[in-house]
Amino acid sequence: MITTIRRGNARDADAVAALHAASWRSAYTGIVPDGALGDGLADERREIWELRLSVDYGAPEATPELLIAERAGDTVGFAYLVPMPDGRVLLDNLHVRPGLTGSGIGGDLMDAARAHVARQHPGADLYLEVLQANTRAIAFYERAGGRRTAAGQGVFPGGHTLPEYEYTWSAVAPAGQSRS
């Protein structure tokens, strides 16, 4: 099935929030405390996405980008890119609908994220943070060419901290351009 990647907007908040909550429950059960995945998760994610997608971030170079993966008009994944003050771009979220992982959607989103960074933030590295216990995601990021560049602690709802790694993809030139 063909996956289409498009820019997201405020109208996507509900679909993204629902997919985000489902993905967390699928990927993080047994890794994060059950309280972080409880009944309020969907509402919390909805509030976060409504805020993220309605805020005016000012300059285009400071504005995060939401990428939506669709199949037959249905949201099946998303990636959220946040320009950081240190000049890098944080891949703050990359989620695929549970049951569709391993179908190429994550790779399509990763490719689109890297292409976006190359076009909109030339010379910027792309990075993300992933829980150390999320071995499936780590394997995906390593297959996608990510390099482990740091280790630290991630904070989840309720103040839970868990060990995480940082993975980085060095800046890539937009198609047709070479890096010097």
N, C-alpha and C. Protein backbone atom coordinates (compact mmCIF):
# COMPACT_ATOMS: atom_id res chain seq x y z
N MET A 1 0.85 -1.18 0.00
CA MET A 1 0.00 0.00 0.00
C MET A 1 0.89 1.24 0.00
N ILE A 2 0.48 2.26 -0.72
CA ILE A 2 1.26 3.48 -0.85
C ILE A 2 1.06 4.37 0.37
N THR A 3 2.17 4.86 0.90
CA THR A 3 2.14 5.82 2.01
C THR A 3 2.42 7.20 1.44
N THR A 4 1.59 8.16 1.80
CA THR A 4 1.78 9.56 1.42
C THR A 4 2.21 10.32 2.66
N ILE A 5 3.21 11.18 2.50
CA ILE A 5 3.65 12.03 3.61
C ILE A 5 3.25 13.46 3.27
N ARG A 6 2.59 14.12 4.20
CA ARG A 6 2.19 15.51 4.00
C ARG A 6 2.47 16.32 5.26
N ARG A 7 2.46 17.63 5.10
CA ARG A 7 2.60 18.52 6.26
C ARG A 7 1.33 18.47 7.08
N GLY A 8 1.49 18.40 8.38
CA GLY A 8 0.35 18.39 9.27
C GLY A 8 -0.07 19.80 9.65
N ASN A 9 -1.24 19.90 10.28
CA ASN A 9 -1.74 21.19 10.74
C ASN A 9 -2.68 20.96 11.93
N ALA A 10 -3.29 22.03 12.41
CA ALA A 10 -4.13 21.95 13.61
C ALA A 10 -5.29 20.98 13.45
N ARG A 11 -5.78 20.76 12.23
CA ARG A 11 -6.88 19.82 12.02
C ARG A 11 -6.46 18.38 12.30
N ASP A 12 -5.17 18.13 12.39
CA ASP A 12 -4.66 16.77 12.64
C ASP A 12 -4.52 16.45 14.13
N ALA A 13 -4.78 17.39 15.01
CA ALA A 13 -4.50 17.21 16.44
C ALA A 13 -5.17 15.97 17.02
N ASP A 14 -6.45 15.75 16.75
CA ASP A 14 -7.15 14.60 17.33
C ASP A 14 -6.57 13.27 16.84
N ALA A 15 -6.35 13.16 15.54
CA ALA A 15 -5.82 11.90 14.99
C ALA A 15 -4.41 11.63 15.50
N VAL A 16 -3.59 12.68 15.57
CA VAL A 16 -2.21 12.52 16.06
C VAL A 16 -2.22 12.14 17.54
N ALA A 17 -3.07 12.78 18.32
CA ALA A 17 -3.14 12.48 19.76
C ALA A 17 -3.57 11.04 20.00
N ALA A 18 -4.56 10.57 19.26
CA ALA A 18 -5.04 9.19 19.43
C ALA A 18 -3.95 8.20 19.03
N LEU A 19 -3.27 8.46 17.90
CA LEU A 19 -2.20 7.57 17.46
C LEU A 19 -1.04 7.61 18.46
N HIS A 20 -0.71 8.79 18.97
CA HIS A 20 0.38 8.95 19.93
C HIS A 20 0.10 8.11 21.19
N ALA A 21 -1.11 8.23 21.73
CA ALA A 21 -1.46 7.47 22.94
C ALA A 21 -1.42 5.96 22.66
N ALA A 22 -1.95 5.54 21.54
CA ALA A 22 -1.94 4.10 21.20
C ALA A 22 -0.52 3.60 21.02
N SER A 23 0.32 4.40 20.39
CA SER A 23 1.71 4.00 20.17
C SER A 23 2.46 3.89 21.50
N TRP A 24 2.25 4.87 22.39
CA TRP A 24 2.90 4.78 23.70
C TRP A 24 2.48 3.52 24.43
N ARG A 25 1.19 3.22 24.42
CA ARG A 25 0.71 2.03 25.13
C ARG A 25 1.30 0.76 24.53
N SER A 26 1.44 0.73 23.24
CA SER A 26 1.99 -0.44 22.56
C SER A 26 3.49 -0.58 22.83
N ALA A 27 4.22 0.51 22.67
CA ALA A 27 5.69 0.45 22.76
C ALA A 27 6.21 0.48 24.19
N TYR A 28 5.50 1.14 25.09
CA TYR A 28 6.06 1.40 26.41
C TYR A 28 5.49 0.55 27.53
N THR A 29 4.48 -0.28 27.26
CA THR A 29 3.96 -1.15 28.31
C THR A 29 5.09 -2.07 28.79
N GLY A 30 5.29 -2.09 30.10
CA GLY A 30 6.37 -2.87 30.68
C GLY A 30 7.68 -2.11 30.77
N ILE A 31 7.74 -0.92 30.14
CA ILE A 31 8.95 -0.10 30.19
C ILE A 31 8.74 1.10 31.10
N VAL A 32 7.63 1.81 30.91
CA VAL A 32 7.34 2.96 31.76
C VAL A 32 6.30 2.56 32.80
N PRO A 33 6.24 3.26 33.92
CA PRO A 33 5.23 2.92 34.93
C PRO A 33 3.82 2.98 34.34
N ASP A 34 2.97 2.05 34.77
CA ASP A 34 1.61 1.97 34.24
C ASP A 34 0.86 3.30 34.36
N GLY A 35 1.12 4.06 35.40
CA GLY A 35 0.44 5.34 35.60
C GLY A 35 0.66 6.32 34.46
N ALA A 36 1.80 6.23 33.79
CA ALA A 36 2.09 7.12 32.67
C ALA A 36 1.31 6.75 31.42
N LEU A 37 0.71 5.54 31.42
CA LEU A 37 -0.03 5.06 30.26
C LEU A 37 -1.52 4.89 30.57
N GLY A 38 -1.96 5.47 31.68
CA GLY A 38 -3.32 5.25 32.16
C GLY A 38 -4.40 5.96 31.39
N ASP A 39 -5.58 6.00 32.01
CA ASP A 39 -6.79 6.52 31.38
C ASP A 39 -6.66 7.96 30.88
N GLY A 40 -5.87 8.77 31.54
CA GLY A 40 -5.75 10.17 31.14
C GLY A 40 -4.79 10.43 30.00
N LEU A 41 -4.12 9.39 29.51
CA LEU A 41 -3.10 9.57 28.48
C LEU A 41 -3.66 10.19 27.20
N ALA A 42 -4.77 9.70 26.71
CA ALA A 42 -5.33 10.22 25.45
C ALA A 42 -5.69 11.70 25.59
N ASP A 43 -6.32 12.08 26.71
CA ASP A 43 -6.68 13.49 26.92
C ASP A 43 -5.43 14.36 27.04
N GLU A 44 -4.42 13.85 27.74
CA GLU A 44 -3.17 14.60 27.88
C GLU A 44 -2.51 14.81 26.52
N ARG A 45 -2.44 13.76 25.72
CA ARG A 45 -1.85 13.88 24.39
C ARG A 45 -2.65 14.86 23.53
N ARG A 46 -3.98 14.83 23.62
CA ARG A 46 -4.82 15.76 22.85
C ARG A 46 -4.53 17.20 23.23
N GLU A 47 -4.43 17.48 24.52
CA GLU A 47 -4.12 18.85 24.98
C GLU A 47 -2.76 19.30 24.44
N ILE A 48 -1.78 18.41 24.51
CA ILE A 48 -0.44 18.74 24.04
C ILE A 48 -0.46 19.04 22.55
N TRP A 49 -1.12 18.19 21.75
CA TRP A 49 -1.11 18.39 20.29
C TRP A 49 -1.94 19.59 19.88
N GLU A 50 -3.04 19.85 20.56
CA GLU A 50 -3.80 21.06 20.25
C GLU A 50 -2.96 22.30 20.51
N LEU A 51 -2.21 22.31 21.59
CA LEU A 51 -1.34 23.44 21.90
C LEU A 51 -0.20 23.54 20.88
N ARG A 52 0.51 22.45 20.66
CA ARG A 52 1.64 22.46 19.72
C ARG A 52 1.24 22.95 18.34
N LEU A 53 0.05 22.58 17.90
CA LEU A 53 -0.36 22.89 16.53
C LEU A 53 -1.11 24.20 16.41
N SER A 54 -1.30 24.92 17.51
CA SER A 54 -1.98 26.21 17.44
C SER A 54 -1.08 27.38 17.83
N VAL A 55 0.08 27.11 18.38
CA VAL A 55 0.99 28.17 18.84
C VAL A 55 1.67 28.84 17.65
N ASP A 56 1.86 30.14 17.76
CA ASP A 56 2.65 30.88 16.77
C ASP A 56 4.09 30.89 17.27
N TYR A 57 4.96 30.19 16.58
CA TYR A 57 6.36 30.09 16.99
C TYR A 57 7.21 31.24 16.45
N GLY A 58 6.60 32.12 15.67
CA GLY A 58 7.35 33.25 15.13
C GLY A 58 7.98 32.90 13.81
N ALA A 59 9.28 33.08 13.74
CA ALA A 59 10.03 32.89 12.50
C ALA A 59 9.90 31.46 11.98
N PRO A 60 9.80 31.30 10.67
CA PRO A 60 9.68 29.95 10.10
C PRO A 60 10.81 29.01 10.54
N GLU A 61 12.02 29.53 10.68
CA GLU A 61 13.13 28.66 11.07
C GLU A 61 13.03 28.18 12.52
N ALA A 62 12.14 28.78 13.31
CA ALA A 62 11.93 28.36 14.69
C ALA A 62 10.66 27.52 14.86
N THR A 63 9.91 27.35 13.78
CA THR A 63 8.63 26.67 13.85
C THR A 63 8.78 25.17 13.66
N PRO A 64 8.25 24.37 14.60
CA PRO A 64 8.28 22.92 14.43
C PRO A 64 7.47 22.49 13.21
N GLU A 65 7.76 21.29 12.72
CA GLU A 65 7.08 20.74 11.55
C GLU A 65 6.48 19.38 11.91
N LEU A 66 5.20 19.23 11.61
CA LEU A 66 4.51 17.96 11.78
C LEU A 66 4.38 17.30 10.42
N LEU A 67 4.86 16.08 10.30
CA LEU A 67 4.73 15.30 9.08
C LEU A 67 3.75 14.16 9.34
N ILE A 68 2.77 14.04 8.49
CA ILE A 68 1.72 13.03 8.63
C ILE A 68 1.90 11.96 7.56
N ALA A 69 1.88 10.70 7.97
CA ALA A 69 1.89 9.57 7.03
C ALA A 69 0.45 9.10 6.89
N GLU A 70 0.00 8.99 5.63
CA GLU A 70 -1.37 8.54 5.37
C GLU A 70 -1.37 7.38 4.39
N ARG A 71 -2.33 6.51 4.58
CA ARG A 71 -2.63 5.44 3.63
C ARG A 71 -4.13 5.49 3.40
N ALA A 72 -4.51 5.65 2.16
CA ALA A 72 -5.93 5.74 1.80
C ALA A 72 -6.64 6.81 2.63
N GLY A 73 -5.96 7.93 2.89
CA GLY A 73 -6.55 9.04 3.63
C GLY A 73 -6.59 8.87 5.13
N ASP A 74 -6.06 7.77 5.65
CA ASP A 74 -6.08 7.47 7.09
C ASP A 74 -4.70 7.77 7.68
N THR A 75 -4.66 8.47 8.81
CA THR A 75 -3.39 8.77 9.48
C THR A 75 -2.82 7.49 10.08
N VAL A 76 -1.63 7.09 9.60
CA VAL A 76 -1.01 5.85 10.06
C VAL A 76 0.33 6.08 10.74
N GLY A 77 0.78 7.33 10.78
CA GLY A 77 2.03 7.65 11.45
C GLY A 77 2.27 9.14 11.41
N PHE A 78 3.23 9.58 12.22
CA PHE A 78 3.60 10.99 12.20
C PHE A 78 5.00 11.16 12.76
N ALA A 79 5.59 12.28 12.39
CA ALA A 79 6.89 12.71 12.93
C ALA A 79 6.77 14.19 13.25
N TYR A 80 7.43 14.61 14.32
CA TYR A 80 7.37 16.01 14.75
C TYR A 80 8.80 16.50 14.94
N LEU A 81 9.16 17.53 14.20
CA LEU A 81 10.53 18.07 14.17
C LEU A 81 10.56 19.43 14.83
N VAL A 82 11.49 19.61 15.77
CA VAL A 82 11.58 20.85 16.54
C VAL A 82 12.97 21.45 16.39
N PRO A 83 13.08 22.64 15.77
CA PRO A 83 14.39 23.32 15.71
C PRO A 83 14.82 23.71 17.13
N MET A 84 16.07 23.43 17.47
CA MET A 84 16.57 23.69 18.82
C MET A 84 17.54 24.87 18.82
N PRO A 85 17.68 25.53 19.96
CA PRO A 85 18.59 26.68 20.05
C PRO A 85 20.04 26.36 19.71
N ASP A 86 20.46 25.09 19.88
CA ASP A 86 21.85 24.73 19.59
C ASP A 86 22.11 24.50 18.09
N GLY A 87 21.08 24.74 17.26
CA GLY A 87 21.24 24.60 15.82
C GLY A 87 20.87 23.23 15.27
N ARG A 88 20.61 22.28 16.15
CA ARG A 88 20.19 20.95 15.70
C ARG A 88 18.66 20.93 15.59
N VAL A 89 18.13 19.85 15.04
CA VAL A 89 16.68 19.66 14.96
C VAL A 89 16.35 18.37 15.70
N LEU A 90 15.44 18.48 16.66
CA LEU A 90 15.01 17.34 17.46
C LEU A 90 13.85 16.63 16.76
N LEU A 91 14.01 15.34 16.52
CA LEU A 91 12.90 14.50 16.08
C LEU A 91 12.19 14.10 17.37
N ASP A 92 11.25 14.95 17.78
CA ASP A 92 10.61 14.81 19.08
C ASP A 92 9.65 13.63 19.13
N ASN A 93 9.10 13.28 18.01
CA ASN A 93 8.19 12.12 17.94
C ASN A 93 8.30 11.48 16.58
N LEU A 94 8.28 10.17 16.56
CA LEU A 94 8.10 9.40 15.34
C LEU A 94 7.30 8.18 15.76
N HIS A 95 6.06 8.14 15.35
CA HIS A 95 5.16 7.06 15.76
C HIS A 95 4.43 6.49 14.56
N VAL A 96 4.24 5.18 14.59
CA VAL A 96 3.49 4.45 13.58
C VAL A 96 2.38 3.70 14.30
N ARG A 97 1.22 3.67 13.68
CA ARG A 97 0.08 2.99 14.29
C ARG A 97 0.45 1.55 14.67
N PRO A 98 0.15 1.16 15.92
CA PRO A 98 0.41 -0.23 16.31
C PRO A 98 -0.25 -1.18 15.31
N GLY A 99 0.45 -2.25 15.00
CA GLY A 99 -0.01 -3.21 14.01
C GLY A 99 0.54 -2.92 12.62
N LEU A 100 1.05 -1.70 12.41
CA LEU A 100 1.62 -1.35 11.11
C LEU A 100 3.14 -1.14 11.19
N THR A 101 3.72 -1.30 12.40
CA THR A 101 5.17 -1.17 12.51
C THR A 101 5.81 -2.27 11.66
N GLY A 102 6.93 -1.95 11.07
CA GLY A 102 7.61 -2.90 10.21
C GLY A 102 7.10 -2.90 8.77
N SER A 103 6.16 -2.00 8.45
CA SER A 103 5.57 -1.97 7.12
C SER A 103 6.17 -0.89 6.22
N GLY A 104 7.21 -0.20 6.70
CA GLY A 104 7.86 0.83 5.89
C GLY A 104 7.44 2.25 6.20
N ILE A 105 6.39 2.42 6.99
CA ILE A 105 5.90 3.76 7.30
C ILE A 105 6.95 4.55 8.09
N GLY A 106 7.57 3.92 9.08
CA GLY A 106 8.60 4.60 9.88
C GLY A 106 9.76 5.04 9.01
N GLY A 107 10.19 4.18 8.08
CA GLY A 107 11.27 4.54 7.17
C GLY A 107 10.89 5.70 6.28
N ASP A 108 9.64 5.71 5.79
CA ASP A 108 9.17 6.83 4.97
C ASP A 108 9.18 8.13 5.78
N LEU A 109 8.73 8.05 7.03
CA LEU A 109 8.73 9.24 7.88
C LEU A 109 10.16 9.71 8.17
N MET A 110 11.07 8.77 8.43
CA MET A 110 12.46 9.14 8.70
C MET A 110 13.07 9.82 7.48
N ASP A 111 12.83 9.26 6.29
CA ASP A 111 13.35 9.87 5.07
C ASP A 111 12.78 11.27 4.88
N ALA A 112 11.48 11.44 5.13
CA ALA A 112 10.85 12.75 4.98
C ALA A 112 11.39 13.74 6.02
N ALA A 113 11.64 13.26 7.22
CA ALA A 113 12.19 14.13 8.27
C ALA A 113 13.59 14.61 7.89
N ARG A 114 14.42 13.71 7.43
CA ARG A 114 15.78 14.09 7.03
C ARG A 114 15.75 15.04 5.85
N ALA A 115 14.86 14.81 4.90
CA ALA A 115 14.76 15.70 3.74
C ALA A 115 14.28 17.09 4.17
N HIS A 116 13.32 17.13 5.10
CA HIS A 116 12.84 18.42 5.60
C HIS A 116 13.97 19.20 6.27
N VAL A 117 14.73 18.52 7.11
CA VAL A 117 15.84 19.19 7.80
C VAL A 117 16.86 19.70 6.79
N ALA A 118 17.18 18.90 5.79
CA ALA A 118 18.16 19.32 4.78
C ALA A 118 17.68 20.56 4.03
N ARG A 119 16.38 20.63 3.73
CA ARG A 119 15.83 21.78 2.99
C ARG A 119 15.67 23.01 3.87
N GLN A 120 15.10 22.83 5.05
CA GLN A 120 14.72 23.96 5.88
C GLN A 120 15.78 24.40 6.89
N HIS A 121 16.71 23.50 7.22
CA HIS A 121 17.74 23.78 8.22
C HIS A 121 19.09 23.26 7.71
N PRO A 122 19.55 23.78 6.57
CA PRO A 122 20.79 23.26 5.97
C PRO A 122 21.94 23.26 6.98
N GLY A 123 22.65 22.15 7.02
CA GLY A 123 23.80 22.02 7.91
C GLY A 123 23.45 21.56 9.31
N ALA A 124 22.16 21.45 9.63
CA ALA A 124 21.75 21.04 10.98
C ALA A 124 21.73 19.52 11.08
N ASP A 125 22.19 19.01 12.21
CA ASP A 125 22.05 17.59 12.51
C ASP A 125 20.63 17.33 13.00
N LEU A 126 20.15 16.14 12.73
CA LEU A 126 18.87 15.66 13.25
C LEU A 126 19.19 14.70 14.39
N TYR A 127 18.46 14.82 15.49
CA TYR A 127 18.69 13.90 16.61
C TYR A 127 17.38 13.57 17.29
N LEU A 128 17.42 12.52 18.10
CA LEU A 128 16.26 12.12 18.89
C LEU A 128 16.74 11.47 20.16
N GLU A 129 15.80 11.28 21.07
CA GLU A 129 16.06 10.58 22.32
C GLU A 129 15.13 9.38 22.38
N VAL A 130 15.66 8.22 22.78
CA VAL A 130 14.89 6.98 22.81
C VAL A 130 15.21 6.25 24.11
N LEU A 131 14.19 5.68 24.72
CA LEU A 131 14.40 4.93 25.96
C LEU A 131 15.32 3.75 25.70
N GLN A 132 16.27 3.54 26.61
CA GLN A 132 17.22 2.44 26.45
C GLN A 132 16.53 1.09 26.37
N ALA A 133 15.39 0.95 27.03
CA ALA A 133 14.68 -0.33 27.02
C ALA A 133 13.83 -0.53 25.76
N ASN A 134 13.73 0.49 24.92
CA ASN A 134 12.93 0.39 23.71
C ASN A 134 13.81 -0.17 22.58
N THR A 135 14.14 -1.43 22.72
CA THR A 135 15.12 -2.06 21.82
C THR A 135 14.64 -2.13 20.37
N ARG A 136 13.34 -2.27 20.16
CA ARG A 136 12.82 -2.30 18.78
C ARG A 136 13.09 -0.96 18.09
N ALA A 137 12.81 0.15 18.79
CA ALA A 137 13.05 1.48 18.20
C ALA A 137 14.55 1.69 17.98
N ILE A 138 15.36 1.28 18.94
CA ILE A 138 16.82 1.44 18.80
C ILE A 138 17.31 0.70 17.56
N ALA A 139 16.84 -0.51 17.36
CA ALA A 139 17.25 -1.28 16.17
C ALA A 139 16.83 -0.55 14.90
N PHE A 140 15.63 0.02 14.89
CA PHE A 140 15.16 0.78 13.73
C PHE A 140 16.06 1.98 13.47
N TYR A 141 16.36 2.75 14.51
CA TYR A 141 17.19 3.95 14.34
C TYR A 141 18.60 3.59 13.88
N GLU A 142 19.14 2.51 14.38
CA GLU A 142 20.48 2.09 13.94
C GLU A 142 20.45 1.63 12.48
N ARG A 143 19.41 0.89 12.08
CA ARG A 143 19.28 0.50 10.67
C ARG A 143 19.14 1.73 9.78
N ALA A 144 18.52 2.79 10.31
CA ALA A 144 18.31 4.03 9.55
C ALA A 144 19.56 4.91 9.55
N GLY A 145 20.66 4.44 10.12
CA GLY A 145 21.91 5.18 10.07
C GLY A 145 22.19 6.10 11.24
N GLY A 146 21.36 6.04 12.28
CA GLY A 146 21.59 6.87 13.46
C GLY A 146 22.81 6.40 14.24
N ARG A 147 23.54 7.37 14.80
CA ARG A 147 24.70 7.07 15.64
C ARG A 147 24.36 7.43 17.08
N ARG A 148 24.65 6.53 18.01
CA ARG A 148 24.43 6.84 19.42
C ARG A 148 25.45 7.89 19.84
N THR A 149 24.96 9.03 20.30
CA THR A 149 25.85 10.15 20.61
C THR A 149 25.81 10.59 22.07
N ALA A 150 24.87 10.08 22.85
CA ALA A 150 24.82 10.46 24.27
C ALA A 150 23.88 9.51 25.01
N ALA A 151 23.97 9.57 26.32
CA ALA A 151 23.04 8.84 27.19
C ALA A 151 22.59 9.80 28.28
N GLY A 152 21.36 9.63 28.74
CA GLY A 152 20.84 10.52 29.77
C GLY A 152 19.60 9.93 30.40
N GLN A 153 18.74 10.81 30.89
CA GLN A 153 17.50 10.41 31.54
C GLN A 153 16.33 11.13 30.87
N GLY A 154 15.29 10.38 30.54
CA GLY A 154 14.06 10.96 29.99
C GLY A 154 13.03 11.11 31.09
N VAL A 155 12.22 12.14 31.01
CA VAL A 155 11.19 12.39 32.02
C VAL A 155 9.82 12.16 31.38
N PHE A 156 9.00 11.35 32.05
CA PHE A 156 7.66 11.02 31.57
C PHE A 156 6.62 11.64 32.50
N PRO A 157 5.35 11.65 32.05
CA PRO A 157 4.28 12.16 32.91
C PRO A 157 4.35 11.54 34.30
N GLY A 158 4.09 12.35 35.29
CA GLY A 158 4.15 11.90 36.67
C GLY A 158 5.55 12.02 37.25
N GLY A 159 6.49 12.58 36.46
CA GLY A 159 7.85 12.78 36.95
C GLY A 159 8.73 11.54 36.91
N HIS A 160 8.30 10.51 36.22
CA HIS A 160 9.09 9.28 36.10
C HIS A 160 10.30 9.54 35.22
N THR A 161 11.48 9.13 35.68
CA THR A 161 12.68 9.26 34.85
C THR A 161 13.16 7.86 34.47
N LEU A 162 13.59 7.75 33.22
CA LEU A 162 14.06 6.48 32.70
C LEU A 162 15.30 6.72 31.84
N PRO A 163 16.24 5.77 31.81
CA PRO A 163 17.45 5.96 31.01
C PRO A 163 17.13 5.97 29.51
N GLU A 164 17.80 6.87 28.82
CA GLU A 164 17.59 6.99 27.38
C GLU A 164 18.91 7.23 26.67
N TYR A 165 18.89 7.03 25.36
CA TYR A 165 20.02 7.33 24.49
C TYR A 165 19.63 8.45 23.55
N GLU A 166 20.65 9.15 23.08
CA GLU A 166 20.47 10.11 22.00
C GLU A 166 21.07 9.48 20.74
N TYR A 167 20.35 9.59 19.63
CA TYR A 167 20.84 9.16 18.32
C TYR A 167 20.87 10.37 17.41
N THR A 168 21.91 10.45 16.56
CA THR A 168 22.10 11.60 15.69
C THR A 168 22.35 11.16 14.25
N TRP A 169 21.79 11.93 13.33
CA TRP A 169 22.06 11.81 11.90
C TRP A 169 22.73 13.10 11.50
N SER A 170 23.92 13.01 10.96
CA SER A 170 24.66 14.20 10.55
C SER A 170 23.92 14.91 9.44
N ALA A 171 24.18 16.19 9.33
CA ALA A 171 23.53 17.02 8.32
C ALA A 171 23.71 16.41 6.94
N VAL A 172 22.66 16.45 6.16
CA VAL A 172 22.72 15.98 4.78
C VAL A 172 22.35 17.14 3.87
N ALA A 173 22.95 17.16 2.70
CA ALA A 173 22.65 18.21 1.73
C ALA A 173 21.34 17.88 1.02
N PRO A 174 20.57 18.92 0.66
CA PRO A 174 19.38 18.67 -0.16
C PRO A 174 19.78 18.02 -1.48
N ALA A 175 18.87 17.32 -2.09
CA ALA A 175 19.13 16.65 -3.37
C ALA A 175 19.71 17.65 -4.36
N GLY A 176 20.75 17.22 -5.06
CA GLY A 176 21.38 18.07 -6.06
C GLY A 176 22.47 18.98 -5.53
N GLN A 177 22.68 18.97 -4.21
CA GLN A 177 23.72 19.79 -3.62
C GLN A 177 24.71 18.89 -2.90
N SER A 178 25.95 19.31 -2.82
CA SER A 178 26.93 18.54 -2.05
C SER A 178 27.37 19.36 -0.86
N ARG A 179 27.77 18.65 0.18
CA ARG A 179 28.27 19.32 1.38
C ARG A 179 29.76 19.54 1.20
N SER A 180 30.25 20.69 1.65
CA SER A 180 31.69 20.92 1.57
C SER A 180 32.33 20.89 2.93
